[in-house]
C-alpha atoms as a PDB file:
ATOM      1  CA  MET A   1     -52.031 -99.373 -66.838  1.00  0.00           C
ATOM      2  CA  ASN A   2     -51.494 -95.704 -65.852  1.00  0.00           C
ATOM      3  CA  LYS A   3     -51.802 -95.096 -62.119  1.00  0.00           C
ATOM      4  CA  VAL A   4     -53.234 -92.266 -60.055  1.00  0.00           C
ATOM      5  CA  ILE A   5     -50.333 -91.163 -57.810  1.00  0.00           C
ATOM      6  CA  LEU A   6     -50.308 -88.729 -54.876  1.00  0.00           C
ATOM      7  CA  ILE A   7     -46.925 -87.474 -53.789  1.00  0.00           C
ATOM      8  CA  THR A   8     -46.239 -85.013 -50.972  1.00  0.00           C
ATOM      9  CA  GLY A   9     -43.619 -82.316 -51.108  1.00  0.00           C
ATOM     10  CA  ALA A  10     -43.561 -82.187 -54.905  1.00  0.00           C
ATOM     11  CA  SER A  11     -42.472 -78.608 -55.415  1.00  0.00           C
ATOM     12  CA  SER A  12     -38.755 -79.256 -55.173  1.00  0.00           C
ATOM     13  CA  GLY A  13     -35.987 -81.768 -54.554  1.00  0.00           C
ATOM     14  CA  PHE A  14     -36.868 -85.478 -54.516  1.00  0.00           C
ATOM     15  CA  GLY A  15     -40.625 -84.765 -54.855  1.00  0.00           C
ATOM     16  CA  LYS A  16     -40.282 -82.593 -57.957  1.00  0.00           C
ATOM     17  CA  ALA A  17     -37.962 -85.128 -59.696  1.00  0.00           C
ATOM     18  CA  ILE A  18     -40.207 -88.048 -58.779  1.00  0.00           C
ATOM     19  CA  ALA A  19     -43.412 -86.345 -59.800  1.00  0.00           C
ATOM     20  CA  GLU A  20     -42.088 -85.131 -63.141  1.00  0.00           C
ATOM     21  CA  LEU A  21     -40.640 -88.541 -64.038  1.00  0.00           C
ATOM     22  CA  LEU A  22     -43.866 -90.400 -63.151  1.00  0.00           C
ATOM     23  CA  ALA A  23     -45.937 -87.895 -65.113  1.00  0.00           C
ATOM     24  CA  SER A  24     -43.603 -88.303 -68.116  1.00  0.00           C
ATOM     25  CA  LYS A  25     -44.421 -91.993 -68.036  1.00  0.00           C
ATOM     26  CA  GLY A  26     -48.132 -91.341 -68.431  1.00  0.00           C
ATOM     27  CA  HIS A  27     -49.280 -91.584 -64.833  1.00  0.00           C
ATOM     28  CA  ILE A  28     -51.799 -89.172 -63.372  1.00  0.00           C
ATOM     29  CA  VAL A  29     -49.721 -87.347 -60.763  1.00  0.00           C
ATOM     30  CA  TYR A  30     -51.046 -85.154 -57.922  1.00  0.00           C
ATOM     31  CA  GLY A  31     -48.335 -83.303 -56.025  1.00  0.00           C
ATOM     32  CA  THR A  32     -48.681 -81.316 -52.795  1.00  0.00           C
ATOM     33  CA  SER A  33     -47.059 -78.022 -51.854  1.00  0.00           C
ATOM     34  CA  ARG A  34     -47.586 -75.675 -48.939  1.00  0.00           C
ATOM     35  CA  LYS A  35     -47.880 -72.735 -51.390  1.00  0.00           C
ATOM     36  CA  PRO A  36     -50.069 -72.520 -54.516  1.00  0.00           C
ATOM     37  CA  LYS A  37     -48.205 -73.918 -57.550  1.00  0.00           C
ATOM     38  CA  GLU A  38     -48.956 -74.739 -61.205  1.00  0.00           C
ATOM     39  CA  HIS A  39     -47.298 -77.231 -63.528  1.00  0.00           C
ATOM     40  CA  THR A  40     -47.952 -78.464 -67.017  1.00  0.00           C
ATOM     41  CA  SER A  41     -48.002 -82.132 -66.207  1.00  0.00           C
ATOM     42  CA  ILE A  42     -48.524 -82.309 -62.379  1.00  0.00           C
ATOM     43  CA  HIS A  43     -51.859 -81.545 -60.655  1.00  0.00           C
ATOM     44  CA  PHE A  44     -50.802 -79.456 -57.627  1.00  0.00           C
ATOM     45  CA  LEU A  45     -52.762 -79.466 -54.352  1.00  0.00           C
ATOM     46  CA  GLN A  46     -52.050 -76.785 -51.700  1.00  0.00           C
ATOM     47  CA  MET A  47     -51.560 -78.856 -48.554  1.00  0.00           C
ATOM     48  CA  ASP A  48     -49.884 -78.673 -45.138  1.00  0.00           C
ATOM     49  CA  VAL A  49     -49.117 -82.302 -44.287  1.00  0.00           C
ATOM     50  CA  ARG A  50     -49.168 -81.473 -40.607  1.00  0.00           C
ATOM     51  CA  ASP A  51     -52.842 -80.364 -40.835  1.00  0.00           C
ATOM     52  CA  SER A  52     -55.209 -83.230 -40.917  1.00  0.00           C
ATOM     53  CA  VAL A  53     -58.020 -81.060 -42.307  1.00  0.00           C
ATOM     54  CA  SER A  54     -55.822 -79.820 -45.135  1.00  0.00           C
ATOM     55  CA  VAL A  55     -54.785 -83.411 -45.893  1.00  0.00           C
ATOM     56  CA  ALA A  56     -58.378 -84.693 -45.914  1.00  0.00           C
ATOM     57  CA  SER A  57     -59.391 -81.911 -48.288  1.00  0.00           C
ATOM     58  CA  GLY A  58     -56.546 -82.679 -50.720  1.00  0.00           C
ATOM     59  CA  VAL A  59     -57.195 -86.413 -50.727  1.00  0.00           C
ATOM     60  CA  GLU A  60     -60.892 -85.880 -51.281  1.00  0.00           C
ATOM     61  CA  LYS A  61     -60.204 -83.699 -54.289  1.00  0.00           C
ATOM     62  CA  VAL A  62     -58.137 -86.449 -55.886  1.00  0.00           C
ATOM     63  CA  ILE A  63     -60.945 -88.969 -55.227  1.00  0.00           C
ATOM     64  CA  GLN A  64     -63.553 -86.636 -56.639  1.00  0.00           C
ATOM     65  CA  GLU A  65     -61.543 -86.087 -59.803  1.00  0.00           C
ATOM     66  CA  GLN A  66     -60.145 -89.598 -60.379  1.00  0.00           C
ATOM     67  CA  GLY A  67     -62.185 -91.963 -58.232  1.00  0.00           C
ATOM     68  CA  ARG A  68     -59.157 -93.681 -56.808  1.00  0.00           C
ATOM     69  CA  ILE A  69     -55.622 -93.404 -55.507  1.00  0.00           C
ATOM     70  CA  ASP A  70     -53.358 -96.201 -56.640  1.00  0.00           C
ATOM     71  CA  VAL A  71     -50.031 -95.033 -55.137  1.00  0.00           C
ATOM     72  CA  LEU A  72     -49.204 -92.763 -52.167  1.00  0.00           C
ATOM     73  CA  ILE A  73     -45.667 -91.452 -51.923  1.00  0.00           C
ATOM     74  CA  ASN A  74     -44.833 -89.794 -48.590  1.00  0.00           C
ATOM     75  CA  ASN A  75     -41.948 -87.639 -49.451  1.00  0.00           C
ATOM     76  CA  ALA A  76     -42.528 -84.258 -47.641  1.00  0.00           C
ATOM     77  CA  GLY A  77     -39.842 -83.554 -45.022  1.00  0.00           C
ATOM     78  CA  MET A  78     -37.491 -81.059 -43.508  1.00  0.00           C
ATOM     79  CA  GLY A  79     -34.390 -80.961 -41.317  1.00  0.00           C
ATOM     80  CA  ILE A  80     -33.343 -79.186 -38.152  1.00  0.00           C
ATOM     81  CA  GLY A  81     -29.696 -79.450 -37.118  1.00  0.00           C
ATOM     82  CA  GLY A  82     -28.370 -79.040 -33.648  1.00  0.00           C
ATOM     83  CA  SER A  83     -27.767 -80.617 -30.241  1.00  0.00           C
ATOM     84  CA  LEU A  84     -30.488 -82.899 -28.917  1.00  0.00           C
ATOM     85  CA  GLU A  85     -30.070 -81.292 -25.462  1.00  0.00           C
ATOM     86  CA  LEU A  86     -30.671 -77.769 -26.694  1.00  0.00           C
ATOM     87  CA  ALA A  87     -33.550 -78.437 -29.146  1.00  0.00           C
ATOM     88  CA  THR A  88     -36.604 -76.365 -28.350  1.00  0.00           C
ATOM     89  CA  GLN A  89     -40.115 -77.852 -28.088  1.00  0.00           C
ATOM     90  CA  GLU A  90     -41.045 -75.830 -31.188  1.00  0.00           C
ATOM     91  CA  GLU A  91     -38.164 -77.383 -33.129  1.00  0.00           C
ATOM     92  CA  ILE A  92     -39.007 -80.862 -31.984  1.00  0.00           C
ATOM     93  CA  SER A  93     -42.636 -80.469 -32.817  1.00  0.00           C
ATOM     94  CA  GLU A  94     -41.916 -79.033 -36.271  1.00  0.00           C
ATOM     95  CA  GLN A  95     -39.382 -81.766 -37.107  1.00  0.00           C
ATOM     96  CA  MET A  96     -41.464 -84.705 -35.866  1.00  0.00           C
ATOM     97  CA  GLY A  97     -44.757 -83.224 -37.032  1.00  0.00           C
ATOM     98  CA  THR A  98     -43.647 -82.723 -40.590  1.00  0.00           C
ATOM     99  CA  ASN A  99     -41.631 -85.869 -41.241  1.00  0.00           C
ATOM    100  CA  PHE A 100     -43.523 -88.404 -39.151  1.00  0.00           C
ATOM    101  CA  GLY A 101     -46.872 -86.723 -38.502  1.00  0.00           C
ATOM    102  CA  GLY A 102     -47.237 -85.834 -42.122  1.00  0.00           C
ATOM    103  CA  CYS A 103     -46.640 -89.438 -43.146  1.00  0.00           C
ATOM    104  CA  VAL A 104     -49.194 -90.675 -40.646  1.00  0.00           C
ATOM    105  CA  ASN A 105     -51.809 -88.101 -41.703  1.00  0.00           C
ATOM    106  CA  LEU A 106     -51.563 -89.033 -45.433  1.00  0.00           C
ATOM    107  CA  CYS A 107     -51.719 -92.766 -44.706  1.00  0.00           C
ATOM    108  CA  GLN A 108     -54.781 -92.403 -42.464  1.00  0.00           C
ATOM    109  CA  LYS A 109     -56.658 -90.370 -45.026  1.00  0.00           C
ATOM    110  CA  VAL A 110     -55.702 -92.445 -48.051  1.00  0.00           C
ATOM    111  CA  LEU A 111     -56.049 -95.952 -46.631  1.00  0.00           C
ATOM    112  CA  PRO A 112     -59.906 -96.018 -46.405  1.00  0.00           C
ATOM    113  CA  TYR A 113     -59.979 -95.647 -50.175  1.00  0.00           C
ATOM    114  CA  MET A 114     -57.277 -98.144 -50.803  1.00  0.00           C
ATOM    115  CA  ARG A 115     -59.047-100.654 -48.513  1.00  0.00           C
ATOM    116  CA  LYS A 116     -62.257-100.111 -50.486  1.00  0.00           C
ATOM    117  CA  GLN A 117     -60.369-100.717 -53.730  1.00  0.00           C
ATOM    118  CA  ARG A 118     -58.625-103.782 -52.217  1.00  0.00           C
ATOM    119  CA  GLN A 119     -55.425-102.587 -53.788  1.00  0.00           C
ATOM    120  CA  GLY A 120     -52.813 -99.835 -53.309  1.00  0.00           C
ATOM    121  CA  ARG A 121     -49.148 -99.060 -52.839  1.00  0.00           C
ATOM    122  CA  ILE A 122     -47.627 -96.836 -50.164  1.00  0.00           C
ATOM    123  CA  ILE A 123     -43.986 -95.672 -50.521  1.00  0.00           C
ATOM    124  CA  ASN A 124     -42.590 -93.890 -47.500  1.00  0.00           C
ATOM    125  CA  LEU A 125     -39.385 -91.907 -47.741  1.00  0.00           C
ATOM    126  CA  SER A 126     -37.127 -92.671 -44.869  1.00  0.00           C
ATOM    127  CA  SER A 127     -33.382 -92.150 -44.874  1.00  0.00           C
ATOM    128  CA  ILE A 128     -30.181 -93.945 -43.899  1.00  0.00           C
ATOM    129  CA  GLY A 129     -30.605 -91.601 -40.911  1.00  0.00           C
ATOM    130  CA  GLY A 130     -33.614 -93.729 -40.140  1.00  0.00           C
ATOM    131  CA  VAL A 131     -31.460 -96.809 -39.551  1.00  0.00           C
ATOM    132  CA  MET A 132     -28.638 -95.050 -37.643  1.00  0.00           C
ATOM    133  CA  GLY A 133     -28.709 -92.043 -35.307  1.00  0.00           C
ATOM    134  CA  LEU A 134     -26.872 -89.196 -36.970  1.00  0.00           C
ATOM    135  CA  PRO A 135     -25.064 -86.775 -34.510  1.00  0.00           C
ATOM    136  CA  TYR A 136     -26.535 -83.249 -34.533  1.00  0.00           C
ATOM    137  CA  GLN A 137     -29.402 -84.488 -36.660  1.00  0.00           C
ATOM    138  CA  GLY A 138     -30.929 -86.513 -33.815  1.00  0.00           C
ATOM    139  CA  PHE A 139     -34.544 -85.492 -34.145  1.00  0.00           C
ATOM    140  CA  TYR A 140     -34.379 -85.867 -37.945  1.00  0.00           C
ATOM    141  CA  SER A 141     -33.150 -89.399 -37.364  1.00  0.00           C
ATOM    142  CA  ALA A 142     -35.860 -89.920 -34.758  1.00  0.00           C
ATOM    143  CA  SER A 143     -38.564 -88.869 -37.213  1.00  0.00           C
ATOM    144  CA  LYS A 144     -37.237 -91.293 -39.783  1.00  0.00           C
ATOM    145  CA  TYR A 145     -36.838 -94.125 -37.262  1.00  0.00           C
ATOM    146  CA  ALA A 146     -40.525 -93.479 -36.438  1.00  0.00           C
ATOM    147  CA  ILE A 147     -41.421 -93.871 -40.092  1.00  0.00           C
ATOM    148  CA  GLU A 148     -39.511 -97.144 -40.165  1.00  0.00           C
ATOM    149  CA  GLY A 149     -41.447 -98.642 -37.258  1.00  0.00           C
ATOM    150  CA  PHE A 150     -44.729 -97.256 -38.448  1.00  0.00           C
ATOM    151  CA  SER A 151     -44.234 -98.593 -41.939  1.00  0.00           C
ATOM    152  CA  GLU A 152     -43.333-102.179 -40.752  1.00  0.00           C
ATOM    153  CA  ALA A 153     -46.410-102.306 -38.595  1.00  0.00           C
ATOM    154  CA  LEU A 154     -48.568-100.834 -41.314  1.00  0.00           C
ATOM    155  CA  ALA A 155     -47.339-103.359 -43.859  1.00  0.00           C
ATOM    156  CA  ALA A 156     -48.428-106.180 -41.622  1.00  0.00           C
ATOM    157  CA  GLU A 157     -51.898-104.630 -40.979  1.00  0.00           C
ATOM    158  CA  VAL A 158     -52.840-103.806 -44.581  1.00  0.00           C
ATOM    159  CA  LYS A 159     -51.284-106.637 -46.592  1.00  0.00           C
ATOM    160  CA  GLY A 160     -54.528-108.633 -46.415  1.00  0.00           C
ATOM    161  CA  PHE A 161     -56.300-105.761 -48.227  1.00  0.00           C
ATOM    162  CA  GLY A 162     -53.995-105.965 -51.277  1.00  0.00           C
ATOM    163  CA  ILE A 163     -51.933-102.911 -50.089  1.00  0.00           C
ATOM    164  CA  THR A 164     -48.141-102.941 -50.107  1.00  0.00           C
ATOM    165  CA  VAL A 165     -45.907-100.705 -48.068  1.00  0.00           C
ATOM    166  CA  SER A 166     -42.249 -99.947 -48.958  1.00  0.00           C
ATOM    167  CA  LEU A 167     -39.519 -97.859 -47.357  1.00  0.00           C
ATOM    168  CA  VAL A 168     -36.958 -95.964 -49.415  1.00  0.00           C
ATOM    169  CA  GLU A 169     -33.791 -95.007 -47.501  1.00  0.00           C
ATOM    170  CA  PRO A 170     -31.760 -92.376 -49.380  1.00  0.00           C
ATOM    171  CA  GLY A 171     -28.164 -91.438 -48.579  1.00  0.00           C
ATOM    172  CA  ASP A 172     -26.709 -88.078 -49.414  1.00  0.00           C
ATOM    173  CA  PHE A 173     -28.314 -86.346 -52.430  1.00  0.00           C
ATOM    174  CA  ALA A 174     -27.692 -82.850 -53.914  1.00  0.00           C
ATOM    175  CA  THR A 175     -31.062 -81.185 -53.433  1.00  0.00           C
ATOM    176  CA  GLY A 176     -32.411 -77.973 -51.861  1.00  0.00           C
ATOM    177  CA  PHE A 177     -32.645 -79.821 -48.552  1.00  0.00           C
ATOM    178  CA  THR A 178     -29.199 -78.611 -47.500  1.00  0.00           C
ATOM    179  CA  ALA A 179     -29.921 -74.976 -48.022  1.00  0.00           C
ATOM    180  CA  SER A 180     -33.296 -75.192 -46.355  1.00  0.00           C
ATOM    181  CA  ARG A 181     -32.085 -76.993 -43.192  1.00  0.00           C
ATOM    182  CA  GLN A 182     -32.728 -75.041 -40.037  1.00  0.00           C
ATOM    183  CA  ASN A 183     -29.666 -74.941 -37.737  1.00  0.00           C
ATOM    184  CA  SER A 184     -29.852 -74.325 -33.994  1.00  0.00           C
ATOM    185  CA  GLN A 185     -28.216 -71.023 -33.077  1.00  0.00           C
ATOM    186  CA  ALA A 186     -28.267 -72.088 -29.478  1.00  0.00           C
ATOM    187  CA  THR A 187     -26.039 -75.019 -30.445  1.00  0.00           C
ATOM    188  CA  LEU A 188     -23.702 -72.873 -32.516  1.00  0.00           C
ATOM    189  CA  ASP A 189     -23.287 -70.450 -29.604  1.00  0.00           C
ATOM    190  CA  ASN A 190     -22.830 -73.137 -26.928  1.00  0.00           C
ATOM    191  CA  GLU A 191     -19.253 -73.405 -25.566  1.00  0.00           C
ATOM    192  CA  ASP A 192     -19.354 -77.192 -25.372  1.00  0.00           C
ATOM    193  CA  TYR A 193     -21.258 -78.038 -28.573  1.00  0.00           C
ATOM    194  CA  GLY A 194     -20.531 -75.109 -30.889  1.00  0.00           C
ATOM    195  CA  THR A 195     -17.217 -76.025 -32.388  1.00  0.00           C
ATOM    196  CA  SER A 196     -18.083 -79.653 -32.776  1.00  0.00           C
ATOM    197  CA  PHE A 197     -21.373 -78.788 -34.403  1.00  0.00           C
ATOM    198  CA  SER A 198     -19.767 -76.431 -36.859  1.00  0.00           C
ATOM    199  CA  ARG A 199     -17.261 -79.107 -37.835  1.00  0.00           C
ATOM    200  CA  SER A 200     -19.958 -81.664 -38.381  1.00  0.00           C
ATOM    201  CA  LEU A 201     -22.196 -79.282 -40.217  1.00  0.00           C
ATOM    202  CA  SER A 202     -19.456 -78.414 -42.677  1.00  0.00           C
ATOM    203  CA  LEU A 203     -18.915 -82.143 -43.450  1.00  0.00           C
ATOM    204  CA  ILE A 204     -22.630 -82.820 -43.718  1.00  0.00           C
ATOM    205  CA  GLU A 205     -23.147 -79.979 -46.172  1.00  0.00           C
ATOM    206  CA  LYS A 206     -20.142 -81.059 -48.254  1.00  0.00           C
ATOM    207  CA  GLU A 207     -21.393 -84.624 -48.455  1.00  0.00           C
ATOM    208  CA  GLU A 208     -24.927 -83.544 -49.386  1.00  0.00           C
ATOM    209  CA  ASN A 209     -23.842 -81.085 -52.035  1.00  0.00           C
ATOM    210  CA  GLY A 210     -21.588 -83.645 -53.587  1.00  0.00           C
ATOM    211  CA  GLY A 211     -24.211 -86.350 -53.374  1.00  0.00           C
ATOM    212  CA  LEU A 212     -26.196 -88.201 -55.994  1.00  0.00           C
ATOM    213  CA  LYS A 213     -28.671 -86.376 -58.247  1.00  0.00           C
ATOM    214  CA  PRO A 214     -32.424 -86.621 -57.268  1.00  0.00           C
ATOM    215  CA  GLU A 215     -33.123 -88.227 -60.659  1.00  0.00           C
ATOM    216  CA  VAL A 216     -31.373 -91.348 -59.398  1.00  0.00           C
ATOM    217  CA  LEU A 217     -33.909 -91.667 -56.607  1.00  0.00           C
ATOM    218  CA  ALA A 218     -36.749 -90.798 -58.981  1.00  0.00           C
ATOM    219  CA  LYS A 219     -35.819 -93.720 -61.316  1.00  0.00           C
ATOM    220  CA  ARG A 220     -35.829 -96.169 -58.350  1.00  0.00           C
ATOM    221  CA  ILE A 221     -39.248 -94.869 -57.157  1.00  0.00           C
ATOM    222  CA  ALA A 222     -40.642 -95.277 -60.726  1.00  0.00           C
ATOM    223  CA  ARG A 223     -39.537 -98.908 -60.730  1.00  0.00           C
ATOM    224  CA  ILE A 224     -41.097 -99.552 -57.286  1.00  0.00           C
ATOM    225  CA  VAL A 225     -44.391 -98.030 -58.501  1.00  0.00           C
ATOM    226  CA  THR A 226     -44.783-100.566 -61.300  1.00  0.00           C
ATOM    227  CA  CYS A 227     -42.956-103.741 -60.061  1.00  0.00           C
ATOM    228  CA  ARG A 228     -45.156-106.706 -59.212  1.00  0.00           C
ATOM    229  CA  ARG A 229     -43.715-107.496 -55.778  1.00  0.00           C
ATOM    230  CA  PRO A 230     -41.986-104.515 -54.202  1.00  0.00           C
ATOM    231  CA  ARG A 231     -39.562-105.058 -51.365  1.00  0.00           C
ATOM    232  CA  MET A 232     -40.000-103.711 -47.922  1.00  0.00           C
ATOM    233  CA  ARG A 233     -36.823-101.642 -47.986  1.00  0.00           C
ATOM    234  CA  TYR A 234     -34.633-100.009 -50.634  1.00  0.00           C
ATOM    235  CA  VAL A 235     -31.316 -98.288 -49.760  1.00  0.00           C
ATOM    236  CA  VAL A 236     -30.418 -95.731 -52.420  1.00  0.00           C
ATOM    237  CA  ALA A 237     -27.002 -94.422 -51.692  1.00  0.00           C
ATOM    238  CA  ASN A 238     -23.380 -94.482 -52.728  1.00  0.00           C
ATOM    239  CA  LEU A 239     -21.306 -97.589 -51.943  1.00  0.00           C
ATOM    240  CA  GLU A 240     -19.808 -96.180 -48.845  1.00  0.00           C
ATOM    241  CA  GLN A 241     -23.137 -95.229 -47.338  1.00  0.00           C
ATOM    242  CA  TRP A 242     -24.714 -98.464 -48.380  1.00  0.00           C
ATOM    243  CA  PHE A 243     -21.885-100.307 -46.649  1.00  0.00           C
ATOM    244  CA  SER A 244     -22.447 -98.205 -43.466  1.00  0.00           C
ATOM    245  CA  VAL A 245     -26.019 -99.500 -43.358  1.00  0.00           C
ATOM    246  CA  VAL A 246     -24.815-103.080 -43.526  1.00  0.00           C
ATOM    247  CA  LEU A 247     -22.125-102.371 -40.949  1.00  0.00           C
ATOM    248  CA  HIS A 248     -24.638-100.903 -38.546  1.00  0.00           C
ATOM    249  CA  ARG A 249     -26.481-104.167 -38.579  1.00  0.00           C
ATOM    250  CA  ILE A 250     -23.568-106.448 -37.748  1.00  0.00           C
ATOM    251  CA  ILE A 251     -21.120-104.760 -35.366  1.00  0.00           C
ATOM    252  CA  PRO A 252     -21.561-103.875 -31.667  1.00  0.00           C
ATOM    253  CA  GLY A 253     -23.426-100.630 -30.991  1.00  0.00           C
ATOM    254  CA  ASN A 254     -20.512 -98.932 -29.126  1.00  0.00           C
ATOM    255  CA  TRP A 255     -18.218 -99.583 -32.029  1.00  0.00           C
ATOM    256  CA  PHE A 256     -20.622 -98.002 -34.442  1.00  0.00           C
ATOM    257  CA  VAL A 257     -21.069 -94.934 -32.258  1.00  0.00           C
ATOM    258  CA  ASN A 258     -17.303 -94.451 -32.249  1.00  0.00           C
ATOM    259  CA  ILE A 259     -17.253 -94.735 -36.002  1.00  0.00           C
ATOM    260  CA  LEU A 260     -20.004 -92.082 -36.222  1.00  0.00           C
ATOM    261  CA  ARG A 261     -18.053 -89.805 -33.836  1.00  0.00           C
ATOM    262  CA  SER A 262     -14.893 -90.111 -35.843  1.00  0.00           C
ATOM    263  CA  TYR A 263     -16.624 -89.679 -39.212  1.00  0.00           C
ATOM    264  CA  TYR A 264     -18.685 -86.662 -38.139  1.00  0.00           C
ATOM    265  CA  LYS A 265     -15.763 -85.151 -36.177  1.00  0.00           C
ATOM    266  CA  VAL A 266     -17.749 -84.979 -32.948  1.00  0.00           C
END
């Protein structure tokens, strides 16, 4: 049976690849974008995921046109690089508000309809940065850690209504995310952090630009959408990054911090 799917951040990167693949499989796909957009197979909604009024309006439009939402994919996100110490309140608010706040807004507006249906599937995009704190991407990691905890609690609360919640934790992928990252000029200019941040940023960008293609993630999401019993977590990464997630779970915290410092040249 074809599903009605709502995916945020569908104009580029992961969201675009996921939305196009799901539409090609016959699903009815609604994608969100902050700017007006048209597509031959995706129904685009202009939406700011940080604005609950904008989110409510978009969700209501899907319900009016289709009568249901079977799958919600919370993909919209952004990144700000820099020292945790020097982050401004505006940077923190934008990072947390987009990545975590947007996920919460969509869930809160979609869940009443899924509860009424007594079925639904929520797929939240986290990151391997949501299971380990990445240096100079600390608030990005914090936003993804928040999604992890939120999703675990949500899964427990809504399972009785026939609703499943899954987390997808990507590693490095070659998308527009790298070019659109906002980097802290205050950190680059700081005499203590500047050189270290520049070294780390060069490595981060190299790893991302040489990462997996977004179509790899899209194929995994498409399988999660239709599988009978989706898992709680899916790590989608190269072997080295997958191993780092496993290592993080089993070795002492101080050891892992030293590994991160060495790897990211901090």
